[in-house]
Protein backbone atom coordinates (compact mmCIF):
# COMPACT_ATOMS: atom_id res chain seq x y z
CA MET A 1 102.34 91.05 105.00
CA ASN A 2 103.42 94.10 107.13
CA ILE A 3 106.51 93.33 109.22
CA THR A 4 105.55 96.75 110.92
CA PRO A 5 103.43 99.57 110.52
CA HIS A 6 105.39 100.96 107.58
CA PHE A 7 107.43 98.17 106.28
CA THR A 8 106.10 94.99 104.26
CA LEU A 9 107.54 91.55 103.80
CA GLU A 10 106.98 92.35 99.73
CA GLU A 11 109.58 95.43 100.20
CA VAL A 12 111.87 93.60 102.29
CA THR A 13 112.46 90.89 99.84
CA ARG A 14 112.05 92.82 96.39
CA SER A 15 114.77 92.48 93.98
CA SER A 16 114.77 93.45 90.41
CA THR A 17 117.92 91.30 89.70
CA GLY A 18 116.34 88.37 91.52
CA GLN A 19 113.38 88.48 89.66
CA ARG A 20 115.17 89.01 86.58
CA LEU A 21 117.50 85.87 87.35
CA GLY A 22 114.78 83.76 88.83
CA ILE A 23 115.99 83.65 92.19
CA ASN A 24 113.73 82.92 95.08
CA ASN A 25 114.53 85.75 97.61
CA THR A 26 112.00 84.24 100.26
CA PRO A 27 113.65 84.36 103.80
CA ASP A 28 114.23 81.57 105.96
CA ALA A 29 113.21 81.48 109.81
CA SER A 30 116.53 82.81 110.79
CA GLN A 31 116.52 85.70 108.23
CA LEU A 32 113.07 86.44 109.02
CA ALA A 33 114.15 87.32 112.58
CA GLY A 34 116.80 89.57 111.44
CA ILE A 35 114.45 91.29 109.31
CA TYR A 36 111.85 91.88 112.16
CA VAL A 37 115.12 93.40 114.25
CA SER A 38 115.83 95.48 111.32
CA ALA A 39 112.40 96.66 110.70
CA ALA A 40 112.00 97.92 114.25
CA GLY A 41 115.24 100.03 113.67
CA MET A 42 113.88 101.30 110.41
CA GLU A 43 110.76 102.35 111.99
CA GLN A 44 112.72 104.64 114.45
CA VAL A 45 114.84 105.93 111.34
CA ARG A 46 111.35 106.86 109.60
CA GLN A 47 110.25 108.58 112.81
CA ILE A 48 113.57 110.41 113.42
CA LEU A 49 113.58 111.59 109.62
CA GLY A 50 109.95 112.44 109.75
CA PHE A 51 109.41 111.40 106.02
CA PRO A 52 108.82 108.01 104.35
CA VAL A 53 111.76 105.78 103.11
CA PHE A 54 112.21 104.00 100.34
CA ILE A 55 113.98 100.58 100.39
CA ASP A 56 116.69 100.09 97.73
CA SER A 57 117.89 96.69 99.14
CA TRP A 58 117.02 94.51 102.28
CA LEU A 59 117.19 90.91 102.35
CA ARG A 60 119.31 89.04 99.65
CA VAL A 61 119.66 85.41 99.84
CA GLU A 62 123.13 83.85 99.20
CA GLU A 63 122.58 83.07 95.68
CA LEU A 64 121.58 86.75 94.93
CA GLU A 65 124.36 87.92 97.27
CA LYS A 66 126.74 86.20 94.82
CA VAL A 67 125.47 87.86 91.88
CA LEU A 68 125.32 91.38 93.48
CA THR A 69 128.60 91.05 95.35
CA ARG A 70 130.96 89.37 92.88
CA LYS A 71 133.22 92.28 92.15
CA ASP A 72 133.42 93.27 95.88
CA PHE A 73 134.01 89.74 96.73
CA LEU A 74 137.09 89.34 94.25
CA GLY A 75 138.52 92.51 95.70
CA TRP A 76 138.36 91.01 99.05
CA CYS A 77 139.93 88.06 97.99
CA LYS A 78 142.76 90.07 96.64
CA ARG A 79 143.15 92.18 99.62
CA HIS A 80 143.26 89.27 102.02
CA GLN A 81 145.29 86.88 99.45
CA HIS A 82 142.52 84.48 99.40
CA PRO A 83 141.82 82.26 96.20
CA ASP A 84 138.41 82.94 94.48
CA ASN A 85 136.95 79.51 95.93
CA ASP A 86 133.96 78.24 97.82
CA HIS A 87 135.88 78.53 101.12
CA SER A 88 136.96 82.11 100.54
CA TRP A 89 133.27 82.65 99.62
CA ALA A 90 132.02 81.21 102.91
CA LEU A 91 134.57 83.46 104.95
CA TYR A 92 133.16 86.51 102.86
CA PHE A 93 129.62 85.62 103.05
CA ALA A 94 129.74 85.15 106.95
CA LEU A 95 130.60 88.95 107.17
CA LYS A 96 127.62 90.00 105.33
CA ALA A 97 124.68 91.87 106.83
CA HIS A 98 121.84 91.63 103.87
CA PRO A 99 121.58 87.98 103.83
CA LYS A 100 120.98 87.77 107.56
CA GLY A 101 118.16 90.43 107.10
CA PHE A 102 120.34 93.23 109.03
CA GLY A 103 121.52 95.18 105.88
CA VAL A 104 119.03 97.73 104.86
CA ASP A 105 119.96 100.21 101.91
CA PHE A 106 117.09 103.06 101.74
CA LEU A 107 116.59 106.57 100.33
CA CYS A 108 114.64 109.23 101.77
CA PRO A 109 113.76 111.40 99.04
CA GLN A 110 112.08 114.18 101.11
CA CYS A 111 115.42 114.65 103.17
């Protein structure tokens, strides 16, 4: 399913870690709305660069974000003097862009 002329829902939700761990990285309605906003911005990035871009990471549902950011979360807890618990995770998670569909890590091999 195309989100924009150059980006598909498949590449937005692709995660080798998610596949390996059996994590369903399907967006909900709120995440999908964020994805559409980001995809429009990524179309502009692609146009400015003048070359195709490769999506490394886009959407990460909460379960996947927990796996991928564990080390960063523990560092955040230490810097902010928070215990490693569900309440701290909720505070940290609220700051994250990938689970909202707004974070896009990409490469432009031809740039």
